[in-house]
Amino acid sequence: MHNIGEDWEITVEGLYVATRGFLSRRGYCCANKCRNCPYINWRSAPNWQPVEACFVKRTRVTPKALAGAQAMLAYHEQQLTNDTHYTEGERSILQARIVHYRLLIERWG
């Protein structure tokens, strides 16, 4: 990746990719499954961190973005309920993601 300003990066293939900062300032998910999406962990990256709540706008989003947030909420709730072998740190991460996805649904629904 090569940075061009604070809003865009260029991949080795020459594709322009929006930065996490740009997407955070926008305030909502476009459901294009952006590589740096701070709203929905589209790529199931284990080190993904949700955006701070202050960046999540109250707005209407595409049905695809809302469905993505609902699917991720259901997934994390199921993980937390069904697997008792998580460490305290892993449980904390799951709980934070559940809170995040509930916030998205509340503000975007």
PDB file of N, CA and C in Angstrom:
ATOM      1  N   MET A   1       0.830  -1.183   0.000  1.00  0.00           N
ATOM      2  CA  MET A   1       0.000   0.000   0.000  1.00  0.00           C
ATOM      3  C   MET A   1       0.872   1.242   0.000  1.00  0.00           C
ATOM      4  N   HIS A   2       0.399   2.210  -0.729  1.00  0.00           N
ATOM      5  CA  HIS A   2       1.074   3.499  -0.784  1.00  0.00           C
ATOM      6  C   HIS A   2       0.044   4.572  -0.427  1.00  0.00           C
ATOM      7  N   ASN A   3       0.299   5.360   0.625  1.00  0.00           N
ATOM      8  CA  ASN A   3      -0.637   6.395   1.056  1.00  0.00           C
ATOM      9  C   ASN A   3      -0.559   7.612   0.147  1.00  0.00           C
ATOM     10  N   ILE A   4      -1.727   8.146  -0.206  1.00  0.00           N
ATOM     11  CA  ILE A   4      -1.787   9.429  -0.909  1.00  0.00           C
ATOM     12  C   ILE A   4      -2.737  10.318  -0.115  1.00  0.00           C
ATOM     13  N   GLY A   5      -2.192  11.023   0.836  1.00  0.00           N
ATOM     14  CA  GLY A   5      -3.024  11.821   1.721  1.00  0.00           C
ATOM     15  C   GLY A   5      -3.582  10.967   2.833  1.00  0.00           C
ATOM     16  N   GLU A   6      -4.492  11.549   3.595  1.00  0.00           N
ATOM     17  CA  GLU A   6      -5.051  10.797   4.715  1.00  0.00           C
ATOM     18  C   GLU A   6      -6.291  10.000   4.357  1.00  0.00           C
ATOM     19  N   ASP A   7      -6.818  10.189   3.136  1.00  0.00           N
ATOM     20  CA  ASP A   7      -8.070   9.532   2.777  1.00  0.00           C
ATOM     21  C   ASP A   7      -7.946   8.319   1.863  1.00  0.00           C
ATOM     22  N   TRP A   8      -6.835   8.177   1.161  1.00  0.00           N
ATOM     23  CA  TRP A   8      -6.719   7.104   0.174  1.00  0.00           C
ATOM     24  C   TRP A   8      -5.364   6.422   0.223  1.00  0.00           C
ATOM     25  N   GLU A   9      -5.380   5.142  -0.113  1.00  0.00           N
ATOM     26  CA  GLU A   9      -4.170   4.343  -0.282  1.00  0.00           C
ATOM     27  C   GLU A   9      -4.245   3.743  -1.684  1.00  0.00           C
ATOM     28  N   ILE A  10      -3.106   3.440  -2.261  1.00  0.00           N
ATOM     29  CA  ILE A  10      -3.075   2.770  -3.558  1.00  0.00           C
ATOM     30  C   ILE A  10      -2.426   1.406  -3.360  1.00  0.00           C
ATOM     31  N   THR A  11      -3.113   0.369  -3.820  1.00  0.00           N
ATOM     32  CA  THR A  11      -2.571  -0.983  -3.716  1.00  0.00           C
ATOM     33  C   THR A  11      -1.497  -1.183  -4.783  1.00  0.00           C
ATOM     34  N   VAL A  12      -0.763  -2.289  -4.689  1.00  0.00           N
ATOM     35  CA  VAL A  12       0.248  -2.596  -5.697  1.00  0.00           C
ATOM     36  C   VAL A  12      -0.392  -2.828  -7.067  1.00  0.00           C
ATOM     37  N   GLU A  13      -1.689  -3.158  -7.069  1.00  0.00           N
ATOM     38  CA  GLU A  13      -2.421  -3.357  -8.328  1.00  0.00           C
ATOM     39  C   GLU A  13      -2.906  -2.032  -8.913  1.00  0.00           C
ATOM     40  N   GLY A  14      -2.698  -0.932  -8.164  1.00  0.00           N
ATOM     41  CA  GLY A  14      -3.126   0.386  -8.644  1.00  0.00           C
ATOM     42  C   GLY A  14      -4.547   0.768  -8.250  1.00  0.00           C
ATOM     43  N   LEU A  15      -5.152   0.022  -7.350  1.00  0.00           N
ATOM     44  CA  LEU A  15      -6.513   0.329  -6.901  1.00  0.00           C
ATOM     45  C   LEU A  15      -6.482   1.353  -5.769  1.00  0.00           C
ATOM     46  N   TYR A  16      -7.417   2.282  -5.793  1.00  0.00           N
ATOM     47  CA  TYR A  16      -7.552   3.257  -4.718  1.00  0.00           C
ATOM     48  C   TYR A  16      -8.435   2.648  -3.640  1.00  0.00           C
ATOM     49  N   VAL A  17      -7.971   2.712  -2.390  1.00  0.00           N
ATOM     50  CA  VAL A  17      -8.680   2.134  -1.250  1.00  0.00           C
ATOM     51  C   VAL A  17      -8.886   3.239  -0.216  1.00  0.00           C
ATOM     52  N   ALA A  18     -10.133   3.434   0.201  1.00  0.00           N
ATOM     53  CA  ALA A  18     -10.425   4.428   1.236  1.00  0.00           C
ATOM     54  C   ALA A  18      -9.791   4.007   2.554  1.00  0.00           C
ATOM     55  N   THR A  19      -9.217   4.971   3.276  1.00  0.00           N
ATOM     56  CA  THR A  19      -8.596   4.674   4.567  1.00  0.00           C
ATOM     57  C   THR A  19      -9.650   4.540   5.651  1.00  0.00           C
ATOM     58  N   ARG A  20      -9.271   3.935   6.744  1.00  0.00           N
ATOM     59  CA  ARG A  20     -10.163   3.808   7.897  1.00  0.00           C
ATOM     60  C   ARG A  20     -10.591   5.186   8.393  1.00  0.00           C
ATOM     61  N   GLY A  21      -9.666   6.143   8.387  1.00  0.00           N
ATOM     62  CA  GLY A  21      -9.987   7.499   8.825  1.00  0.00           C
ATOM     63  C   GLY A  21     -11.064   8.139   7.967  1.00  0.00           C
ATOM     64  N   PHE A  22     -10.945   8.003   6.663  1.00  0.00           N
ATOM     65  CA  PHE A  22     -11.943   8.549   5.754  1.00  0.00           C
ATOM     66  C   PHE A  22     -13.307   7.916   6.007  1.00  0.00           C
ATOM     67  N   LEU A  23     -13.326   6.587   6.103  1.00  0.00           N
ATOM     68  CA  LEU A  23     -14.588   5.875   6.311  1.00  0.00           C
ATOM     69  C   LEU A  23     -15.198   6.214   7.666  1.00  0.00           C
ATOM     70  N   SER A  24     -14.370   6.408   8.680  1.00  0.00           N
ATOM     71  CA  SER A  24     -14.873   6.781  10.010  1.00  0.00           C
ATOM     72  C   SER A  24     -15.531   8.152   9.976  1.00  0.00           C
ATOM     73  N   ARG A  25     -14.892   9.102   9.312  1.00  0.00           N
ATOM     74  CA  ARG A  25     -15.448  10.458   9.229  1.00  0.00           C
ATOM     75  C   ARG A  25     -16.751  10.482   8.441  1.00  0.00           C
ATOM     76  N   ARG A  26     -16.927   9.553   7.506  1.00  0.00           N
ATOM     77  CA  ARG A  26     -18.161   9.499   6.725  1.00  0.00           C
ATOM     78  C   ARG A  26     -19.348   9.180   7.624  1.00  0.00           C
ATOM     79  N   GLY A  27     -19.179   8.317   8.606  1.00  0.00           N
ATOM     80  CA  GLY A  27     -20.209   8.072   9.602  1.00  0.00           C
ATOM     81  C   GLY A  27     -21.148   6.915   9.377  1.00  0.00           C
ATOM     82  N   TYR A  28     -20.988   6.184   8.294  1.00  0.00           N
ATOM     83  CA  TYR A  28     -21.872   5.046   8.029  1.00  0.00           C
ATOM     84  C   TYR A  28     -21.200   4.093   7.037  1.00  0.00           C
ATOM     85  N   CYS A  29     -21.750   2.896   6.937  1.00  0.00           N
ATOM     86  CA  CYS A  29     -21.233   1.869   6.035  1.00  0.00           C
ATOM     87  C   CYS A  29     -21.992   1.933   4.716  1.00  0.00           C
ATOM     88  N   CYS A  30     -21.265   1.836   3.612  1.00  0.00           N
ATOM     89  CA  CYS A  30     -21.886   1.850   2.281  1.00  0.00           C
ATOM     90  C   CYS A  30     -22.209   0.442   1.791  1.00  0.00           C
ATOM     91  N   ALA A  31     -21.793  -0.577   2.511  1.00  0.00           N
ATOM     92  CA  ALA A  31     -22.018  -1.992   2.197  1.00  0.00           C
ATOM     93  C   ALA A  31     -21.265  -2.457   0.963  1.00  0.00           C
ATOM     94  N   ASN A  32     -20.207  -1.746   0.572  1.00  0.00           N
ATOM     95  CA  ASN A  32     -19.362  -2.197  -0.530  1.00  0.00           C
ATOM     96  C   ASN A  32     -18.236  -3.105  -0.041  1.00  0.00           C
ATOM     97  N   LYS A  33     -18.288  -3.460   1.232  1.00  0.00           N
ATOM     98  CA  LYS A  33     -17.311  -4.351   1.865  1.00  0.00           C
ATOM     99  C   LYS A  33     -15.887  -3.794   1.738  1.00  0.00           C
ATOM    100  N   CYS A  34     -15.761  -2.519   2.050  1.00  0.00           N
ATOM    101  CA  CYS A  34     -14.471  -1.829   1.971  1.00  0.00           C
ATOM    102  C   CYS A  34     -13.418  -2.544   2.811  1.00  0.00           C
ATOM    103  N   ARG A  35     -12.224  -2.582   2.316  1.00  0.00           N
ATOM    104  CA  ARG A  35     -11.104  -3.255   2.983  1.00  0.00           C
ATOM    105  C   ARG A  35     -10.873  -2.710   4.388  1.00  0.00           C
ATOM    106  N   ASN A  36     -11.038  -1.410   4.578  1.00  0.00           N
ATOM    107  CA  ASN A  36     -10.774  -0.769   5.868  1.00  0.00           C
ATOM    108  C   ASN A  36     -12.044  -0.378   6.620  1.00  0.00           C
ATOM    109  N   CYS A  37     -13.158  -1.024   6.333  1.00  0.00           N
ATOM    110  CA  CYS A  37     -14.432  -0.655   6.953  1.00  0.00           C
ATOM    111  C   CYS A  37     -14.347  -0.729   8.486  1.00  0.00           C
ATOM    112  N   PRO A  38     -14.627   0.391   9.174  1.00  0.00           N
ATOM    113  CA  PRO A  38     -14.594   0.373  10.630  1.00  0.00           C
ATOM    114  C   PRO A  38     -15.952   0.050  11.252  1.00  0.00           C
ATOM    115  N   TYR A  39     -16.952  -0.187  10.417  1.00  0.00           N
ATOM    116  CA  TYR A  39     -18.317  -0.423  10.910  1.00  0.00           C
ATOM    117  C   TYR A  39     -18.667  -1.905  10.961  1.00  0.00           C
ATOM    118  N   ILE A  40     -18.376  -2.625   9.890  1.00  0.00           N
ATOM    119  CA  ILE A  40     -18.706  -4.047   9.808  1.00  0.00           C
ATOM    120  C   ILE A  40     -17.446  -4.816   9.420  1.00  0.00           C
ATOM    121  N   ASN A  41     -17.172  -5.871  10.140  1.00  0.00           N
ATOM    122  CA  ASN A  41     -15.990  -6.694   9.890  1.00  0.00           C
ATOM    123  C   ASN A  41     -16.297  -7.661   8.744  1.00  0.00           C
ATOM    124  N   TRP A  42     -16.421  -7.124   7.531  1.00  0.00           N
ATOM    125  CA  TRP A  42     -16.807  -7.897   6.353  1.00  0.00           C
ATOM    126  C   TRP A  42     -15.851  -9.048   6.068  1.00  0.00           C
ATOM    127  N   ARG A  43     -14.589  -8.898   6.403  1.00  0.00           N
ATOM    128  CA  ARG A  43     -13.576  -9.895   6.059  1.00  0.00           C
ATOM    129  C   ARG A  43     -13.240 -10.832   7.228  1.00  0.00           C
ATOM    130  N   SER A  44     -13.976 -10.720   8.319  1.00  0.00           N
ATOM    131  CA  SER A  44     -13.762 -11.547   9.508  1.00  0.00           C
ATOM    132  C   SER A  44     -12.304 -11.522   9.978  1.00  0.00           C
ATOM    133  N   ALA A  45     -11.714 -10.348   9.955  1.00  0.00           N
ATOM    134  CA  ALA A  45     -10.336 -10.188  10.410  1.00  0.00           C
ATOM    135  C   ALA A  45     -10.280 -10.277  11.933  1.00  0.00           C
ATOM    136  N   PRO A  46      -9.446 -11.133  12.488  1.00  0.00           N
ATOM    137  CA  PRO A  46      -9.416 -11.312  13.940  1.00  0.00           C
ATOM    138  C   PRO A  46      -8.952 -10.072  14.702  1.00  0.00           C
ATOM    139  N   ASN A  47      -8.171  -9.206  14.066  1.00  0.00           N
ATOM    140  CA  ASN A  47      -7.661  -8.010  14.751  1.00  0.00           C
ATOM    141  C   ASN A  47      -8.482  -6.756  14.459  1.00  0.00           C
ATOM    142  N   TRP A  48      -9.631  -6.910  13.804  1.00  0.00           N
ATOM    143  CA  TRP A  48     -10.500  -5.792  13.463  1.00  0.00           C
ATOM    144  C   TRP A  48     -11.023  -5.101  14.726  1.00  0.00           C
ATOM    145  N   GLN A  49     -11.043  -3.784  14.678  1.00  0.00           N
ATOM    146  CA  GLN A  49     -11.557  -2.984  15.799  1.00  0.00           C
ATOM    147  C   GLN A  49     -12.703  -2.112  15.302  1.00  0.00           C
ATOM    148  N   PRO A  50     -13.817  -2.068  16.024  1.00  0.00           N
ATOM    149  CA  PRO A  50     -14.927  -1.204  15.599  1.00  0.00           C
ATOM    150  C   PRO A  50     -14.591   0.267  15.824  1.00  0.00           C
ATOM    151  N   VAL A  51     -15.234   1.105  15.037  1.00  0.00           N
ATOM    152  CA  VAL A  51     -15.076   2.547  15.161  1.00  0.00           C
ATOM    153  C   VAL A  51     -15.689   3.003  16.494  1.00  0.00           C
ATOM    154  N   GLU A  52     -15.200   4.125  17.023  1.00  0.00           N
ATOM    155  CA  GLU A  52     -15.774   4.668  18.252  1.00  0.00           C
ATOM    156  C   GLU A  52     -17.219   5.103  17.989  1.00  0.00           C
ATOM    157  N   ALA A  53     -18.055   4.979  19.002  1.00  0.00           N
ATOM    158  CA  ALA A  53     -19.477   5.287  18.873  1.00  0.00           C
ATOM    159  C   ALA A  53     -19.738   6.709  18.385  1.00  0.00           C
ATOM    160  N   CYS A  54     -18.878   7.647  18.724  1.00  0.00           N
ATOM    161  CA  CYS A  54     -19.090   9.038  18.319  1.00  0.00           C
ATOM    162  C   CYS A  54     -19.039   9.221  16.804  1.00  0.00           C
ATOM    163  N   PHE A  55     -18.475   8.257  16.067  1.00  0.00           N
ATOM    164  CA  PHE A  55     -18.389   8.352  14.611  1.00  0.00           C
ATOM    165  C   PHE A  55     -19.614   7.767  13.901  1.00  0.00           C
ATOM    166  N   VAL A  56     -20.470   7.051  14.619  1.00  0.00           N
ATOM    167  CA  VAL A  56     -21.612   6.383  13.992  1.00  0.00           C
ATOM    168  C   VAL A  56     -22.782   7.357  13.905  1.00  0.00           C
ATOM    169  N   LYS A  57     -23.116   7.754  12.684  1.00  0.00           N
ATOM    170  CA  LYS A  57     -24.203   8.705  12.469  1.00  0.00           C
ATOM    171  C   LYS A  57     -25.557   8.020  12.563  1.00  0.00           C
ATOM    172  N   ARG A  58     -26.553   8.800  12.960  1.00  0.00           N
ATOM    173  CA  ARG A  58     -27.946   8.349  12.865  1.00  0.00           C
ATOM    174  C   ARG A  58     -28.387   8.654  11.444  1.00  0.00           C
ATOM    175  N   THR A  59     -28.541   7.613  10.658  1.00  0.00           N
ATOM    176  CA  THR A  59     -28.896   7.795   9.249  1.00  0.00           C
ATOM    177  C   THR A  59     -29.493   6.515   8.702  1.00  0.00           C
ATOM    178  N   ARG A  60     -30.104   6.632   7.573  1.00  0.00           N
ATOM    179  CA  ARG A  60     -30.581   5.439   6.868  1.00  0.00           C
ATOM    180  C   ARG A  60     -29.416   4.909   6.043  1.00  0.00           C
ATOM    181  N   VAL A  61     -29.246   3.615   6.049  1.00  0.00           N
ATOM    182  CA  VAL A  61     -28.212   2.975   5.249  1.00  0.00           C
ATOM    183  C   VAL A  61     -28.887   1.994   4.301  1.00  0.00           C
ATOM    184  N   THR A  62     -28.112   1.427   3.407  1.00  0.00           N
ATOM    185  CA  THR A  62     -28.676   0.446   2.481  1.00  0.00           C
ATOM    186  C   THR A  62     -29.143  -0.788   3.262  1.00  0.00           C
ATOM    187  N   PRO A  63     -30.130  -1.481   2.741  1.00  0.00           N
ATOM    188  CA  PRO A  63     -30.562  -2.721   3.391  1.00  0.00           C
ATOM    189  C   PRO A  63     -29.405  -3.710   3.559  1.00  0.00           C
ATOM    190  N   LYS A  64     -28.467  -3.708   2.628  1.00  0.00           N
ATOM    191  CA  LYS A  64     -27.318  -4.616   2.704  1.00  0.00           C
ATOM    192  C   LYS A  64     -26.434  -4.293   3.911  1.00  0.00           C
ATOM    193  N   ALA A  65     -26.222  -3.005   4.196  1.00  0.00           N
ATOM    194  CA  ALA A  65     -25.406  -2.615   5.356  1.00  0.00           C
ATOM    195  C   ALA A  65     -26.113  -2.998   6.653  1.00  0.00           C
ATOM    196  N   LEU A  66     -27.416  -2.745   6.729  1.00  0.00           N
ATOM    197  CA  LEU A  66     -28.172  -3.099   7.926  1.00  0.00           C
ATOM    198  C   LEU A  66     -28.186  -4.615   8.119  1.00  0.00           C
ATOM    199  N   ALA A  67     -28.374  -5.357   7.044  1.00  0.00           N
ATOM    200  CA  ALA A  67     -28.357  -6.827   7.132  1.00  0.00           C
ATOM    201  C   ALA A  67     -26.976  -7.327   7.567  1.00  0.00           C
ATOM    202  N   GLY A  68     -25.920  -6.678   7.105  1.00  0.00           N
ATOM    203  CA  GLY A  68     -24.568  -7.058   7.516  1.00  0.00           C
ATOM    204  C   GLY A  68     -24.366  -6.879   9.007  1.00  0.00           C
ATOM    205  N   ALA A  69     -24.845  -5.747   9.537  1.00  0.00           N
ATOM    206  CA  ALA A  69     -24.730  -5.493  10.977  1.00  0.00           C
ATOM    207  C   ALA A  69     -25.560  -6.507  11.769  1.00  0.00           C
ATOM    208  N   GLN A  70     -26.758  -6.819  11.285  1.00  0.00           N
ATOM    209  CA  GLN A  70     -27.611  -7.791  11.969  1.00  0.00           C
ATOM    210  C   GLN A  70     -26.996  -9.180  11.948  1.00  0.00           C
ATOM    211  N   ALA A  71     -26.396  -9.555  10.824  1.00  0.00           N
ATOM    212  CA  ALA A  71     -25.767 -10.871  10.713  1.00  0.00           C
ATOM    213  C   ALA A  71     -24.558 -10.983  11.643  1.00  0.00           C
ATOM    214  N   MET A  72     -23.775  -9.920  11.715  1.00  0.00           N
ATOM    215  CA  MET A  72     -22.605  -9.957  12.593  1.00  0.00           C
ATOM    216  C   MET A  72     -23.014  -9.969  14.062  1.00  0.00           C
ATOM    217  N   LEU A  73     -24.076  -9.249  14.405  1.00  0.00           N
ATOM    218  CA  LEU A  73     -24.584  -9.281  15.775  1.00  0.00           C
ATOM    219  C   LEU A  73     -25.010 -10.701  16.133  1.00  0.00           C
ATOM    220  N   ALA A  74     -25.786 -11.330  15.268  1.00  0.00           N
ATOM    221  CA  ALA A  74     -26.247 -12.700  15.530  1.00  0.00           C
ATOM    222  C   ALA A  74     -25.062 -13.664  15.648  1.00  0.00           C
ATOM    223  N   TYR A  75     -24.072 -13.500  14.780  1.00  0.00           N
ATOM    224  CA  TYR A  75     -22.896 -14.363  14.813  1.00  0.00           C
ATOM    225  C   TYR A  75     -22.156 -14.239  16.145  1.00  0.00           C
ATOM    226  N   HIS A  76     -21.896 -13.018  16.588  1.00  0.00           N
ATOM    227  CA  HIS A  76     -21.146 -12.819  17.831  1.00  0.00           C
ATOM    228  C   HIS A  76     -21.951 -13.243  19.055  1.00  0.00           C
ATOM    229  N   GLU A  77     -23.255 -13.006  19.035  1.00  0.00           N
ATOM    230  CA  GLU A  77     -24.092 -13.474  20.155  1.00  0.00           C
ATOM    231  C   GLU A  77     -24.063 -14.997  20.235  1.00  0.00           C
ATOM    232  N   GLN A  78     -24.118 -15.647  19.085  1.00  0.00           N
ATOM    233  CA  GLN A  78     -24.070 -17.109  19.059  1.00  0.00           C
ATOM    234  C   GLN A  78     -22.717 -17.617  19.547  1.00  0.00           C
ATOM    235  N   GLN A  79     -21.632 -16.980  19.109  1.00  0.00           N
ATOM    236  CA  GLN A  79     -20.299 -17.380  19.544  1.00  0.00           C
ATOM    237  C   GLN A  79     -20.171 -17.276  21.060  1.00  0.00           C
ATOM    238  N   LEU A  80     -20.662 -16.186  21.609  1.00  0.00           N
ATOM    239  CA  LEU A  80     -20.552 -15.959  23.050  1.00  0.00           C
ATOM    240  C   LEU A  80     -21.390 -16.974  23.831  1.00  0.00           C
ATOM    241  N   THR A  81     -22.535 -17.343  23.294  1.00  0.00           N
ATOM    242  CA  THR A  81     -23.436 -18.269  23.970  1.00  0.00           C
ATOM    243  C   THR A  81     -22.970 -19.716  23.866  1.00  0.00           C
ATOM    244  N   ASN A  82     -22.488 -20.108  22.702  1.00  0.00           N
ATOM    245  CA  ASN A  82     -22.202 -21.520  22.437  1.00  0.00           C
ATOM    246  C   ASN A  82     -20.822 -21.999  22.841  1.00  0.00           C
ATOM    247  N   ASP A  83     -19.861 -21.107  22.968  1.00  0.00           N
ATOM    248  CA  ASP A  83     -18.498 -21.549  23.261  1.00  0.00           C
ATOM    249  C   ASP A  83     -18.067 -21.035  24.630  1.00  0.00           C
ATOM    250  N   THR A  84     -17.860 -21.943  25.541  1.00  0.00           N
ATOM    251  CA  THR A  84     -17.471 -21.570  26.903  1.00  0.00           C
ATOM    252  C   THR A  84     -15.956 -21.627  27.093  1.00  0.00           C
ATOM    253  N   HIS A  85     -15.207 -21.851  26.033  1.00  0.00           N
ATOM    254  CA  HIS A  85     -13.756 -22.001  26.140  1.00  0.00           C
ATOM    255  C   HIS A  85     -12.987 -20.713  25.840  1.00  0.00           C
ATOM    256  N   TYR A  86     -13.684 -19.595  25.751  1.00  0.00           N
ATOM    257  CA  TYR A  86     -13.008 -18.324  25.491  1.00  0.00           C
ATOM    258  C   TYR A  86     -12.271 -17.844  26.734  1.00  0.00           C
ATOM    259  N   THR A  87     -11.162 -17.195  26.506  1.00  0.00           N
ATOM    260  CA  THR A  87     -10.467 -16.542  27.613  1.00  0.00           C
ATOM    261  C   THR A  87     -11.250 -15.283  27.979  1.00  0.00           C
ATOM    262  N   GLU A  88     -10.928 -14.697  29.097  1.00  0.00           N
ATOM    263  CA  GLU A  88     -11.604 -13.464  29.519  1.00  0.00           C
ATOM    264  C   GLU A  88     -11.405 -12.357  28.479  1.00  0.00           C
ATOM    265  N   GLY A  89     -10.203 -12.274  27.910  1.00  0.00           N
ATOM    266  CA  GLY A  89      -9.927 -11.272  26.881  1.00  0.00           C
ATOM    267  C   GLY A  89     -10.760 -11.481  25.626  1.00  0.00           C
ATOM    268  N   GLU A  90     -10.890 -12.740  25.205  1.00  0.00           N
ATOM    269  CA  GLU A  90     -11.696 -13.055  24.018  1.00  0.00           C
ATOM    270  C   GLU A  90     -13.171 -12.753  24.263  1.00  0.00           C
ATOM    271  N   ARG A  91     -13.653 -13.070  25.464  1.00  0.00           N
ATOM    272  CA  ARG A  91     -15.051 -12.761  25.804  1.00  0.00           C
ATOM    273  C   ARG A  91     -15.284 -11.251  25.798  1.00  0.00           C
ATOM    274  N   SER A  92     -14.318 -10.521  26.270  1.00  0.00           N
ATOM    275  CA  SER A  92     -14.415  -9.063  26.299  1.00  0.00           C
ATOM    276  C   SER A  92     -14.508  -8.494  24.882  1.00  0.00           C
ATOM    277  N   ILE A  93     -13.709  -9.044  23.968  1.00  0.00           N
ATOM    278  CA  ILE A  93     -13.755  -8.599  22.566  1.00  0.00           C
ATOM    279  C   ILE A  93     -15.112  -8.907  21.957  1.00  0.00           C
ATOM    280  N   LEU A  94     -15.626 -10.111  22.180  1.00  0.00           N
ATOM    281  CA  LEU A  94     -16.946 -10.476  21.654  1.00  0.00           C
ATOM    282  C   LEU A  94     -18.032  -9.559  22.208  1.00  0.00           C
ATOM    283  N   GLN A  95     -17.988  -9.281  23.493  1.00  0.00           N
ATOM    284  CA  GLN A  95     -18.991  -8.414  24.108  1.00  0.00           C
ATOM    285  C   GLN A  95     -18.916  -6.997  23.541  1.00  0.00           C
ATOM    286  N   ALA A  96     -17.708  -6.494  23.302  1.00  0.00           N
ATOM    287  CA  ALA A  96     -17.557  -5.157  22.712  1.00  0.00           C
ATOM    288  C   ALA A  96     -18.111  -5.127  21.296  1.00  0.00           C
ATOM    289  N   ARG A  97     -17.914  -6.182  20.549  1.00  0.00           N
ATOM    290  CA  ARG A  97     -18.455  -6.231  19.190  1.00  0.00           C
ATOM    291  C   ARG A  97     -19.972  -6.318  19.200  1.00  0.00           C
ATOM    292  N   ILE A  98     -20.537  -7.036  20.154  1.00  0.00           N
ATOM    293  CA  ILE A  98     -21.989  -7.109  20.288  1.00  0.00           C
ATOM    294  C   ILE A  98     -22.558  -5.718  20.576  1.00  0.00           C
ATOM    295  N   VAL A  99     -21.953  -5.001  21.492  1.00  0.00           N
ATOM    296  CA  VAL A  99     -22.381  -3.635  21.808  1.00  0.00           C
ATOM    297  C   VAL A  99     -22.287  -2.759  20.556  1.00  0.00           C
ATOM    298  N   HIS A 100     -21.199  -2.893  19.813  1.00  0.00           N
ATOM    299  CA  HIS A 100     -20.999  -2.108  18.593  1.00  0.00           C
ATOM    300  C   HIS A 100     -22.093  -2.382  17.565  1.00  0.00           C
ATOM    301  N   TYR A 101     -22.375  -3.650  17.284  1.00  0.00           N
ATOM    302  CA  TYR A 101     -23.379  -3.976  16.272  1.00  0.00           C
ATOM    303  C   TYR A 101     -24.782  -3.577  16.724  1.00  0.00           C
ATOM    304  N   ARG A 102     -25.068  -3.647  17.993  1.00  0.00           N
ATOM    305  CA  ARG A 102     -26.364  -3.156  18.493  1.00  0.00           C
ATOM    306  C   ARG A 102     -26.490  -1.652  18.274  1.00  0.00           C
ATOM    307  N   LEU A 103     -25.405  -0.922  18.488  1.00  0.00           N
ATOM    308  CA  LEU A 103     -25.395   0.525  18.252  1.00  0.00           C
ATOM    309  C   LEU A 103     -25.652   0.824  16.775  1.00  0.00           C
ATOM    310  N   LEU A 104     -24.993   0.092  15.884  1.00  0.00           N
ATOM    311  CA  LEU A 104     -25.210   0.309  14.457  1.00  0.00           C
ATOM    312  C   LEU A 104     -26.676   0.108  14.096  1.00  0.00           C
ATOM    313  N   ILE A 105     -27.261  -0.979  14.565  1.00  0.00           N
ATOM    314  CA  ILE A 105     -28.655  -1.283  14.252  1.00  0.00           C
ATOM    315  C   ILE A 105     -29.579  -0.213  14.806  1.00  0.00           C
ATOM    316  N   GLU A 106     -29.306   0.255  16.001  1.00  0.00           N
ATOM    317  CA  GLU A 106     -30.125   1.312  16.610  1.00  0.00           C
ATOM    318  C   GLU A 106     -30.057   2.604  15.784  1.00  0.00           C
ATOM    319  N   ARG A 107     -28.870   2.997  15.377  1.00  0.00           N
ATOM    320  CA  ARG A 107     -28.702   4.264  14.668  1.00  0.00           C
ATOM    321  C   ARG A 107     -29.025   4.191  13.185  1.00  0.00           C
ATOM    322  N   TRP A 108     -28.959   3.006  12.595  1.00  0.00           N
ATOM    323  CA  TRP A 108     -29.209   2.874  11.169  1.00  0.00           C
ATOM    324  C   TRP A 108     -30.569   2.288  10.826  1.00  0.00           C
ATOM    325  N   GLY A 109     -31.257   1.751  11.814  1.00  0.00           N
ATOM    326  CA  GLY A 109     -32.517   1.053  11.546  1.00  0.00           C
ATOM    327  C   GLY A 109     -33.708   1.923  11.298  1.00  0.00           C
TER     328      GLY A 109
END
